[in-house]
Amino acid sequence: MGALPEEKEPELDFSLTYLVNIFKTMKFSRIRNDDGFLLIARDVIKWNDINAYSELSGYTFAPWEAETIMSIDGIFTYSRGE
């Protein structure tokens, strides 16, 4: 049996960083403390949260962007065992 091929680390597409930043804004409350900021996770993001963000920010989400944010939140929630 031969050796397994060395896996290459995946390359990240940093053009989607803005979606992660929107997710963080929607998901976390920031409270200043002695160490900088404490992030407190809010409840699961719902479609009306995305609509509210869109109304307040003036940003219109493409359907795939909204779905991506919902997916990121699902992964985050699952990883916490919720």
Protein backbone atom coordinates (compact mmCIF):
# COMPACT_ATOMS: atom_id res chain seq x y z
CA MET A 1 0.00 0.00 0.00
CA GLY A 2 1.42 3.36 -1.05
CA ALA A 3 1.63 6.57 0.88
CA LEU A 4 -1.32 8.90 0.85
CA PRO A 5 -0.83 12.04 -1.21
CA GLU A 6 -0.11 15.14 0.81
CA GLU A 7 -3.24 17.27 1.06
CA LYS A 8 -2.95 20.87 -0.03
CA GLU A 9 -4.46 23.49 2.19
CA PRO A 10 -7.47 25.04 0.43
CA GLU A 11 -7.12 28.54 -0.89
CA LEU A 12 -9.57 31.02 0.57
CA ASP A 13 -11.51 33.46 -1.56
CA PHE A 14 -11.22 36.73 0.34
CA SER A 15 -13.73 38.43 -1.94
CA LEU A 16 -16.47 36.93 0.27
CA THR A 17 -15.09 38.38 3.49
CA TYR A 18 -17.80 41.05 3.43
CA LEU A 19 -20.45 38.34 4.02
CA VAL A 20 -18.61 37.05 7.07
CA ASN A 21 -18.42 40.63 8.37
CA ILE A 22 -22.17 41.11 7.84
CA PHE A 23 -22.79 37.79 9.62
CA LYS A 24 -20.67 38.92 12.59
CA THR A 25 -22.55 42.22 12.77
CA MET A 26 -25.90 40.43 12.75
CA LYS A 27 -24.90 37.60 15.10
CA PHE A 28 -22.88 39.20 17.88
CA SER A 29 -23.32 41.96 20.42
CA ARG A 30 -20.02 43.60 21.35
CA ILE A 31 -19.46 44.70 24.93
CA ARG A 32 -16.32 46.64 25.80
CA ASN A 33 -14.31 45.18 28.68
CA ASP A 34 -10.76 45.44 30.05
CA ASP A 35 -9.44 43.07 27.35
CA GLY A 36 -11.08 44.90 24.44
CA PHE A 37 -14.47 43.50 23.48
CA LEU A 38 -16.57 40.57 24.60
CA LEU A 39 -18.69 39.02 21.84
CA ILE A 40 -22.07 37.65 22.88
CA ALA A 41 -23.91 35.50 20.36
CA ARG A 42 -27.51 36.42 19.63
CA ASP A 43 -30.24 33.91 18.75
CA VAL A 44 -30.32 32.02 15.47
CA ILE A 45 -30.53 34.39 12.49
CA LYS A 46 -33.93 34.30 10.82
CA TRP A 47 -35.07 35.61 7.45
CA ASN A 48 -36.71 38.64 9.08
CA ASP A 49 -33.32 39.51 10.63
CA ILE A 50 -31.81 39.64 7.16
CA ASN A 51 -34.70 41.82 5.99
CA ALA A 52 -34.24 44.15 8.97
CA TYR A 53 -30.49 44.41 8.32
CA SER A 54 -31.23 45.21 4.68
CA GLU A 55 -33.71 47.95 5.62
CA LEU A 56 -31.40 49.55 8.19
CA SER A 57 -28.20 49.35 6.16
CA GLY A 58 -29.66 49.98 2.71
CA TYR A 59 -27.83 46.91 1.41
CA THR A 60 -29.90 44.67 -0.89
CA PHE A 61 -28.89 41.03 -0.60
CA ALA A 62 -28.75 38.76 -3.61
CA PRO A 63 -30.58 35.51 -2.79
CA TRP A 64 -27.32 33.55 -2.66
CA GLU A 65 -25.84 36.07 -0.19
CA ALA A 66 -28.79 35.73 2.20
CA GLU A 67 -28.63 31.95 1.91
CA THR A 68 -24.89 32.00 2.59
CA ILE A 69 -25.39 34.02 5.78
CA MET A 70 -28.09 31.58 6.90
CA SER A 71 -25.70 28.69 6.17
CA ILE A 72 -22.84 30.29 8.11
CA ASP A 73 -25.20 30.74 11.05
CA GLY A 74 -26.30 27.11 10.80
CA ILE A 75 -22.68 25.95 10.91
CA PHE A 76 -21.96 28.24 13.88
CA THR A 77 -25.05 27.02 15.76
CA TYR A 78 -24.30 23.34 15.02
CA SER A 79 -20.66 23.73 16.12
CA ARG A 80 -21.87 24.97 19.53
CA GLY A 81 -24.11 21.93 19.95
CA GLU A 82 -27.30 23.98 19.89
